[in-house]
């Protein structure tokens, strides 16, 4: 069985290098037979692609996609405090 940190590193590399994602901002954690993905993206489609790529990089693990979708504000839209 491969050490969890090696699996996590392989998944992070796949997320960064895969043409579907090119994602650097996702945290990957492996515990038991589960792969946890955490971070923020701008759309649900991207969130789903990240889960697909992670699952392909770590077959046999259950992917827990905890990535959240955040709304991106356009220029000129102020943030209310």
PDB file of N, CA and C in Angstrom:
ATOM      1  N   UNK A   1       0.849  -1.197   0.000  1.00  0.00           N
ATOM      2  CA  UNK A   1       0.000   0.000   0.000  1.00  0.00           C
ATOM      3  C   UNK A   1       0.887   1.249   0.000  1.00  0.00           C
ATOM      4  N   UNK A   2       0.559   2.180  -0.862  1.00  0.00           N
ATOM      5  CA  UNK A   2       1.335   3.413  -1.004  1.00  0.00           C
ATOM      6  C   UNK A   2       1.036   4.361   0.164  1.00  0.00           C
ATOM      7  N   UNK A   3       2.064   5.056   0.648  1.00  0.00           N
ATOM      8  CA  UNK A   3       1.894   5.989   1.764  1.00  0.00           C
ATOM      9  C   UNK A   3       0.962   7.126   1.353  1.00  0.00           C
ATOM     10  N   UNK A   4       0.096   7.571   2.296  1.00  0.00           N
ATOM     11  CA  UNK A   4      -0.881   8.624   1.979  1.00  0.00           C
ATOM     12  C   UNK A   4      -0.271   9.890   1.401  1.00  0.00           C
ATOM     13  N   UNK A   5       0.895  10.305   1.913  1.00  0.00           N
ATOM     14  CA  UNK A   5       1.491  11.547   1.410  1.00  0.00           C
ATOM     15  C   UNK A   5       1.918  11.417  -0.046  1.00  0.00           C
ATOM     16  N   UNK A   6       2.292  10.211  -0.474  1.00  0.00           N
ATOM     17  CA  UNK A   6       2.665   9.998  -1.878  1.00  0.00           C
ATOM     18  C   UNK A   6       1.439  10.030  -2.776  1.00  0.00           C
ATOM     19  N   UNK A   7       0.349   9.462  -2.290  1.00  0.00           N
ATOM     20  CA  UNK A   7      -0.902   9.499  -3.062  1.00  0.00           C
ATOM     21  C   UNK A   7      -1.356  10.951  -3.209  1.00  0.00           C
ATOM     22  N   UNK A   8      -1.337  11.709  -2.099  1.00  0.00           N
ATOM     23  CA  UNK A   8      -1.752  13.112  -2.132  1.00  0.00           C
ATOM     24  C   UNK A   8      -0.878  13.908  -3.096  1.00  0.00           C
ATOM     25  N   UNK A   9       0.435  13.671  -3.075  1.00  0.00           N
ATOM     26  CA  UNK A   9       1.342  14.391  -3.973  1.00  0.00           C
ATOM     27  C   UNK A   9       1.050  14.040  -5.432  1.00  0.00           C
ATOM     28  N   UNK A  10       0.758  12.772  -5.705  1.00  0.00           N
ATOM     29  CA  UNK A  10       0.445  12.357  -7.076  1.00  0.00           C
ATOM     30  C   UNK A  10      -0.836  13.031  -7.566  1.00  0.00           C
ATOM     31  N   UNK A  11      -1.841  13.117  -6.696  1.00  0.00           N
ATOM     32  CA  UNK A  11      -3.106  13.758  -7.069  1.00  0.00           C
ATOM     33  C   UNK A  11      -2.886  15.252  -7.305  1.00  0.00           C
ATOM     34  N   UNK A  12      -2.123  15.909  -6.434  1.00  0.00           N
ATOM     35  CA  UNK A  12      -1.868  17.338  -6.626  1.00  0.00           C
ATOM     36  C   UNK A  12      -1.120  17.592  -7.927  1.00  0.00           C
ATOM     37  N   UNK A  13      -0.170  16.730  -8.255  1.00  0.00           N
ATOM     38  CA  UNK A  13       0.560  16.868  -9.513  1.00  0.00           C
ATOM     39  C   UNK A  13      -0.393  16.683 -10.696  1.00  0.00           C
ATOM     40  N   UNK A  14      -1.275  15.695 -10.607  1.00  0.00           N
ATOM     41  CA  UNK A  14      -2.239  15.461 -11.688  1.00  0.00           C
ATOM     42  C   UNK A  14      -3.158  16.669 -11.866  1.00  0.00           C
ATOM     43  N   UNK A  15      -3.619  17.264 -10.761  1.00  0.00           N
ATOM     44  CA  UNK A  15      -4.487  18.445 -10.853  1.00  0.00           C
ATOM     45  C   UNK A  15      -3.758  19.620 -11.501  1.00  0.00           C
ATOM     46  N   UNK A  16      -2.466  19.742 -11.222  1.00  0.00           N
ATOM     47  CA  UNK A  16      -1.683  20.846 -11.786  1.00  0.00           C
ATOM     48  C   UNK A  16      -1.374  20.622 -13.266  1.00  0.00           C
ATOM     49  N   UNK A  17      -1.138  19.356 -13.657  1.00  0.00           N
ATOM     50  CA  UNK A  17      -0.659  19.081 -15.011  1.00  0.00           C
ATOM     51  C   UNK A  17      -1.749  18.718 -16.006  1.00  0.00           C
ATOM     52  N   UNK A  18      -2.896  18.253 -15.545  1.00  0.00           N
ATOM     53  CA  UNK A  18      -3.960  17.828 -16.462  1.00  0.00           C
ATOM     54  C   UNK A  18      -4.540  19.046 -17.181  1.00  0.00           C
ATOM     55  N   UNK A  19      -4.694  18.931 -18.504  1.00  0.00           N
ATOM     56  CA  UNK A  19      -5.190  20.070 -19.299  1.00  0.00           C
ATOM     57  C   UNK A  19      -6.624  20.447 -18.936  1.00  0.00           C
ATOM     58  N   UNK A  20      -7.353  19.554 -18.293  1.00  0.00           N
ATOM     59  CA  UNK A  20      -8.733  19.873 -17.901  1.00  0.00           C
ATOM     60  C   UNK A  20      -8.792  20.764 -16.671  1.00  0.00           C
ATOM     61  N   UNK A  21      -7.737  20.749 -15.863  1.00  0.00           N
ATOM     62  CA  UNK A  21      -7.800  21.481 -14.600  1.00  0.00           C
ATOM     63  C   UNK A  21      -6.716  22.540 -14.453  1.00  0.00           C
ATOM     64  N   UNK A  22      -5.448  22.192 -14.625  1.00  0.00           N
ATOM     65  CA  UNK A  22      -4.328  23.122 -14.357  1.00  0.00           C
ATOM     66  C   UNK A  22      -4.563  23.842 -13.036  1.00  0.00           C
ATOM     67  N   UNK A  23      -4.864  23.089 -11.994  1.00  0.00           N
ATOM     68  CA  UNK A  23      -5.268  23.659 -10.711  1.00  0.00           C
ATOM     69  C   UNK A  23      -4.166  23.489  -9.670  1.00  0.00           C
ATOM     70  N   UNK A  24      -3.782  24.598  -9.043  1.00  0.00           N
ATOM     71  CA  UNK A  24      -2.742  24.574  -8.014  1.00  0.00           C
ATOM     72  C   UNK A  24      -3.290  24.821  -6.617  1.00  0.00           C
ATOM     73  N   UNK A  25      -4.517  25.310  -6.519  1.00  0.00           N
ATOM     74  CA  UNK A  25      -5.022  25.756  -5.222  1.00  0.00           C
ATOM     75  C   UNK A  25      -5.883  24.765  -4.465  1.00  0.00           C
ATOM     76  N   UNK A  26      -5.806  23.480  -4.800  1.00  0.00           N
ATOM     77  CA  UNK A  26      -6.637  22.492  -4.124  1.00  0.00           C
ATOM     78  C   UNK A  26      -5.786  21.714  -3.118  1.00  0.00           C
ATOM     79  N   UNK A  27      -6.269  21.637  -1.882  1.00  0.00           N
ATOM     80  CA  UNK A  27      -5.589  20.840  -0.868  1.00  0.00           C
ATOM     81  C   UNK A  27      -6.079  19.400  -0.966  1.00  0.00           C
ATOM     82  N   UNK A  28      -5.154  18.471  -0.908  1.00  0.00           N
ATOM     83  CA  UNK A  28      -5.463  17.049  -1.027  1.00  0.00           C
ATOM     84  C   UNK A  28      -5.019  16.357   0.254  1.00  0.00           C
ATOM     85  N   UNK A  29      -5.915  15.567   0.846  1.00  0.00           N
ATOM     86  CA  UNK A  29      -5.608  14.847   2.071  1.00  0.00           C
ATOM     87  C   UNK A  29      -6.116  13.420   1.908  1.00  0.00           C
ATOM     88  N   UNK A  30      -5.286  12.445   2.257  1.00  0.00           N
ATOM     89  CA  UNK A  30      -5.678  11.048   2.167  1.00  0.00           C
ATOM     90  C   UNK A  30      -5.771  10.487   3.580  1.00  0.00           C
ATOM     91  N   UNK A  31      -6.935   9.939   3.910  1.00  0.00           N
ATOM     92  CA  UNK A  31      -7.131   9.287   5.202  1.00  0.00           C
ATOM     93  C   UNK A  31      -7.898   8.003   4.972  1.00  0.00           C
ATOM     94  N   UNK A  32      -7.276   6.906   5.369  1.00  0.00           N
ATOM     95  CA  UNK A  32      -7.901   5.606   5.157  1.00  0.00           C
ATOM     96  C   UNK A  32      -8.078   5.384   3.666  1.00  0.00           C
ATOM     97  N   UNK A  33      -9.243   4.989   3.256  1.00  0.00           N
ATOM     98  CA  UNK A  33      -9.523   4.777   1.842  1.00  0.00           C
ATOM     99  C   UNK A  33     -10.189   5.963   1.182  1.00  0.00           C
ATOM    100  N   UNK A  34     -10.036   7.146   1.815  1.00  0.00           N
ATOM    101  CA  UNK A  34     -10.725   8.330   1.297  1.00  0.00           C
ATOM    102  C   UNK A  34      -9.736   9.421   0.896  1.00  0.00           C
ATOM    103  N   UNK A  35     -10.091  10.115  -0.173  1.00  0.00           N
ATOM    104  CA  UNK A  35      -9.309  11.225  -0.695  1.00  0.00           C
ATOM    105  C   UNK A  35     -10.152  12.488  -0.544  1.00  0.00           C
ATOM    106  N   UNK A  36      -9.689  13.420   0.280  1.00  0.00           N
ATOM    107  CA  UNK A  36     -10.421  14.666   0.522  1.00  0.00           C
ATOM    108  C   UNK A  36      -9.840  15.782  -0.326  1.00  0.00           C
ATOM    109  N   UNK A  37     -10.715  16.509  -1.011  1.00  0.00           N
ATOM    110  CA  UNK A  37     -10.322  17.655  -1.822  1.00  0.00           C
ATOM    111  C   UNK A  37     -10.939  18.902  -1.207  1.00  0.00           C
ATOM    112  N   UNK A  38     -10.102  19.916  -0.951  1.00  0.00           N
ATOM    113  CA  UNK A  38     -10.605  21.142  -0.344  1.00  0.00           C
ATOM    114  C   UNK A  38     -10.003  22.341  -1.059  1.00  0.00           C
ATOM    115  N   UNK A  39     -10.800  23.378  -1.173  1.00  0.00           N
ATOM    116  CA  UNK A  39     -10.348  24.602  -1.821  1.00  0.00           C
ATOM    117  C   UNK A  39     -11.540  25.326  -2.416  1.00  0.00           C
ATOM    118  N   UNK A  40     -11.259  26.294  -3.264  1.00  0.00           N
ATOM    119  CA  UNK A  40     -12.318  27.090  -3.887  1.00  0.00           C
ATOM    120  C   UNK A  40     -12.071  27.206  -5.379  1.00  0.00           C
ATOM    121  N   UNK A  41     -13.156  27.131  -6.127  1.00  0.00           N
ATOM    122  CA  UNK A  41     -13.106  27.316  -7.581  1.00  0.00           C
ATOM    123  C   UNK A  41     -14.242  28.252  -7.979  1.00  0.00           C
ATOM    124  N   UNK A  42     -14.258  28.659  -9.257  1.00  0.00           N
ATOM    125  CA  UNK A  42     -15.218  29.672  -9.701  1.00  0.00           C
ATOM    126  C   UNK A  42     -16.494  29.109 -10.314  1.00  0.00           C
ATOM    127  N   UNK A  43     -16.532  27.798 -10.602  1.00  0.00           N
ATOM    128  CA  UNK A  43     -17.767  27.243 -11.175  1.00  0.00           C
ATOM    129  C   UNK A  43     -17.901  25.757 -10.833  1.00  0.00           C
ATOM    130  N   UNK A  44     -19.137  25.273 -10.893  1.00  0.00           N
ATOM    131  CA  UNK A  44     -19.404  23.891 -10.534  1.00  0.00           C
ATOM    132  C   UNK A  44     -18.765  22.920 -11.524  1.00  0.00           C
ATOM    133  N   UNK A  45     -18.696  23.296 -12.800  1.00  0.00           N
ATOM    134  CA  UNK A  45     -18.074  22.422 -13.798  1.00  0.00           C
ATOM    135  C   UNK A  45     -16.615  22.144 -13.424  1.00  0.00           C
ATOM    136  N   UNK A  46     -15.909  23.180 -12.999  1.00  0.00           N
ATOM    137  CA  UNK A  46     -14.503  23.039 -12.593  1.00  0.00           C
ATOM    138  C   UNK A  46     -14.397  22.139 -11.363  1.00  0.00           C
ATOM    139  N   UNK A  47     -15.313  22.298 -10.439  1.00  0.00           N
ATOM    140  CA  UNK A  47     -15.346  21.470  -9.225  1.00  0.00           C
ATOM    141  C   UNK A  47     -15.471  19.990  -9.600  1.00  0.00           C
ATOM    142  N   UNK A  48     -16.349  19.691 -10.552  1.00  0.00           N
ATOM    143  CA  UNK A  48     -16.558  18.309 -10.983  1.00  0.00           C
ATOM    144  C   UNK A  48     -15.347  17.764 -11.734  1.00  0.00           C
ATOM    145  N   UNK A  49     -14.713  18.584 -12.570  1.00  0.00           N
ATOM    146  CA  UNK A  49     -13.507  18.151 -13.292  1.00  0.00           C
ATOM    147  C   UNK A  49     -12.377  17.817 -12.318  1.00  0.00           C
ATOM    148  N   UNK A  50     -12.246  18.599 -11.271  1.00  0.00           N
ATOM    149  CA  UNK A  50     -11.217  18.347 -10.261  1.00  0.00           C
ATOM    150  C   UNK A  50     -11.433  16.979  -9.624  1.00  0.00           C
ATOM    151  N   UNK A  51     -12.680  16.653  -9.311  1.00  0.00           N
ATOM    152  CA  UNK A  51     -12.986  15.342  -8.735  1.00  0.00           C
ATOM    153  C   UNK A  51     -12.674  14.222  -9.718  1.00  0.00           C
ATOM    154  N   UNK A  52     -12.974  14.433 -10.996  1.00  0.00           N
ATOM    155  CA  UNK A  52     -12.684  13.424 -12.022  1.00  0.00           C
ATOM    156  C   UNK A  52     -11.188  13.146 -12.117  1.00  0.00           C
ATOM    157  N   UNK A  53     -10.406  14.213 -12.222  1.00  0.00           N
ATOM    158  CA  UNK A  53      -8.954  14.066 -12.362  1.00  0.00           C
ATOM    159  C   UNK A  53      -8.369  13.400 -11.109  1.00  0.00           C
ATOM    160  N   UNK A  54      -8.824  13.811  -9.935  1.00  0.00           N
ATOM    161  CA  UNK A  54      -8.329  13.223  -8.686  1.00  0.00           C
ATOM    162  C   UNK A  54      -8.656  11.733  -8.614  1.00  0.00           C
ATOM    163  N   UNK A  55      -9.877  11.374  -9.013  1.00  0.00           N
ATOM    164  CA  UNK A  55     -10.274   9.974  -8.990  1.00  0.00           C
ATOM    165  C   UNK A  55      -9.448   9.121  -9.941  1.00  0.00           C
ATOM    166  N   UNK A  56      -9.096   9.675 -11.094  1.00  0.00           N
ATOM    167  CA  UNK A  56      -8.265   8.960 -12.055  1.00  0.00           C
ATOM    168  C   UNK A  56      -6.839   8.782 -11.523  1.00  0.00           C
ATOM    169  N   UNK A  57      -6.344   9.759 -10.765  1.00  0.00           N
ATOM    170  CA  UNK A  57      -4.980   9.711 -10.243  1.00  0.00           C
ATOM    171  C   UNK A  57      -4.870   8.791  -9.023  1.00  0.00           C
ATOM    172  N   UNK A  58      -5.994   8.532  -8.371  1.00  0.00           N
ATOM    173  CA  UNK A  58      -5.987   7.683  -7.170  1.00  0.00           C
ATOM    174  C   UNK A  58      -7.119   6.664  -7.243  1.00  0.00           C
ATOM    175  N   UNK A  59      -7.046   5.736  -8.212  1.00  0.00           N
ATOM    176  CA  UNK A  59      -8.111   4.739  -8.328  1.00  0.00           C
ATOM    177  C   UNK A  59      -8.174   3.887  -7.064  1.00  0.00           C
ATOM    178  N   UNK A  60      -9.381   3.513  -6.692  1.00  0.00           N
ATOM    179  CA  UNK A  60      -9.544   2.690  -5.500  1.00  0.00           C
ATOM    180  C   UNK A  60      -9.849   3.490  -4.251  1.00  0.00           C
ATOM    181  N   UNK A  61      -9.640   4.799  -4.294  1.00  0.00           N
ATOM    182  CA  UNK A  61      -9.987   5.641  -3.147  1.00  0.00           C
ATOM    183  C   UNK A  61     -11.331   6.303  -3.403  1.00  0.00           C
ATOM    184  N   UNK A  62     -12.064   6.538  -2.338  1.00  0.00           N
ATOM    185  CA  UNK A  62     -13.327   7.257  -2.427  1.00  0.00           C
ATOM    186  C   UNK A  62     -13.022   8.752  -2.392  1.00  0.00           C
ATOM    187  N   UNK A  63     -13.455   9.482  -3.417  1.00  0.00           N
ATOM    188  CA  UNK A  63     -13.195  10.921  -3.486  1.00  0.00           C
ATOM    189  C   UNK A  63     -14.281  11.669  -2.714  1.00  0.00           C
ATOM    190  N   UNK A  64     -13.849  12.468  -1.752  1.00  0.00           N
ATOM    191  CA  UNK A  64     -14.739  13.357  -0.992  1.00  0.00           C
ATOM    192  C   UNK A  64     -14.467  14.776  -1.475  1.00  0.00           C
ATOM    193  N   UNK A  65     -15.331  15.263  -2.348  1.00  0.00           N
ATOM    194  CA  UNK A  65     -15.118  16.568  -2.960  1.00  0.00           C
ATOM    195  C   UNK A  65     -15.724  17.651  -2.070  1.00  0.00           C
ATOM    196  N   UNK A  66     -14.868  18.303  -1.288  1.00  0.00           N
ATOM    197  CA  UNK A  66     -15.303  19.388  -0.400  1.00  0.00           C
ATOM    198  C   UNK A  66     -14.922  20.751  -0.968  1.00  0.00           C
ATOM    199  N   UNK A  67     -14.626  20.782  -2.265  1.00  0.00           N
ATOM    200  CA  UNK A  67     -14.290  22.033  -2.941  1.00  0.00           C
ATOM    201  C   UNK A  67     -15.557  22.877  -3.028  1.00  0.00           C
ATOM    202  N   UNK A  68     -15.443  24.160  -2.731  1.00  0.00           N
ATOM    203  CA  UNK A  68     -16.595  25.055  -2.790  1.00  0.00           C
ATOM    204  C   UNK A  68     -16.501  25.965  -4.009  1.00  0.00           C
ATOM    205  N   UNK A  69     -17.665  26.372  -4.480  1.00  0.00           N
ATOM    206  CA  UNK A  69     -17.748  27.288  -5.620  1.00  0.00           C
ATOM    207  C   UNK A  69     -17.973  28.689  -5.064  1.00  0.00           C
ATOM    208  N   UNK A  70     -17.105  29.610  -5.440  1.00  0.00           N
ATOM    209  CA  UNK A  70     -17.243  30.992  -4.981  1.00  0.00           C
ATOM    210  C   UNK A  70     -17.634  31.883  -6.142  1.00  0.00           C
ATOM    211  N   UNK A  71     -18.439  32.853  -5.848  1.00  0.00           N
ATOM    212  CA  UNK A  71     -18.882  33.807  -6.867  1.00  0.00           C
ATOM    213  C   UNK A  71     -17.767  34.802  -7.128  1.00  0.00           C
ATOM    214  N   UNK A  72     -17.468  35.001  -8.379  1.00  0.00           N
ATOM    215  CA  UNK A  72     -16.435  35.970  -8.754  1.00  0.00           C
ATOM    216  C   UNK A  72     -17.128  37.288  -9.100  1.00  0.00           C
ATOM    217  N   UNK A  73     -16.696  38.340  -8.442  1.00  0.00           N
ATOM    218  CA  UNK A  73     -17.271  39.659  -8.700  1.00  0.00           C
ATOM    219  C   UNK A  73     -16.506  40.327  -9.838  1.00  0.00           C
ATOM    220  N   UNK A  74     -17.241  40.966 -10.699  1.00  0.00           N
ATOM    221  CA  UNK A  74     -16.624  41.685 -11.802  1.00  0.00           C
ATOM    222  C   UNK A  74     -16.009  42.989 -11.325  1.00  0.00           C
ATOM    223  N   UNK A  75     -15.163  43.597 -12.131  1.00  0.00           N
ATOM    224  CA  UNK A  75     -14.591  44.886 -11.725  1.00  0.00           C
ATOM    225  C   UNK A  75     -15.667  45.936 -11.568  1.00  0.00           C
ATOM    226  N   UNK A  76     -15.516  46.747 -10.545  1.00  0.00           N
ATOM    227  CA  UNK A  76     -16.494  47.802 -10.318  1.00  0.00           C
ATOM    228  C   UNK A  76     -17.591  47.407  -9.367  1.00  0.00           C
ATOM    229  N   UNK A  77     -17.692  46.114  -9.061  1.00  0.00           N
ATOM    230  CA  UNK A  77     -18.690  45.698  -8.079  1.00  0.00           C
ATOM    231  C   UNK A  77     -18.039  45.778  -6.704  1.00  0.00           C
ATOM    232  N   UNK A  78     -18.556  46.647  -5.886  1.00  0.00           N
ATOM    233  CA  UNK A  78     -17.976  46.829  -4.568  1.00  0.00           C
ATOM    234  C   UNK A  78     -18.442  45.749  -3.608  1.00  0.00           C
ATOM    235  N   UNK A  79     -17.617  45.512  -2.610  1.00  0.00           N
ATOM    236  CA  UNK A  79     -17.979  44.562  -1.578  1.00  0.00           C
ATOM    237  C   UNK A  79     -18.528  45.329  -0.399  1.00  0.00           C
ATOM    238  N   UNK A  80     -19.697  44.929   0.078  1.00  0.00           N
ATOM    239  CA  UNK A  80     -20.300  45.621   1.226  1.00  0.00           C
ATOM    240  C   UNK A  80     -19.748  45.035   2.510  1.00  0.00           C
ATOM    241  N   UNK A  81     -19.400  45.928   3.399  1.00  0.00           N
ATOM    242  CA  UNK A  81     -18.879  45.490   4.706  1.00  0.00           C
ATOM    243  C   UNK A  81     -19.857  45.841   5.784  1.00  0.00           C
TER     244      UNK A  81
END
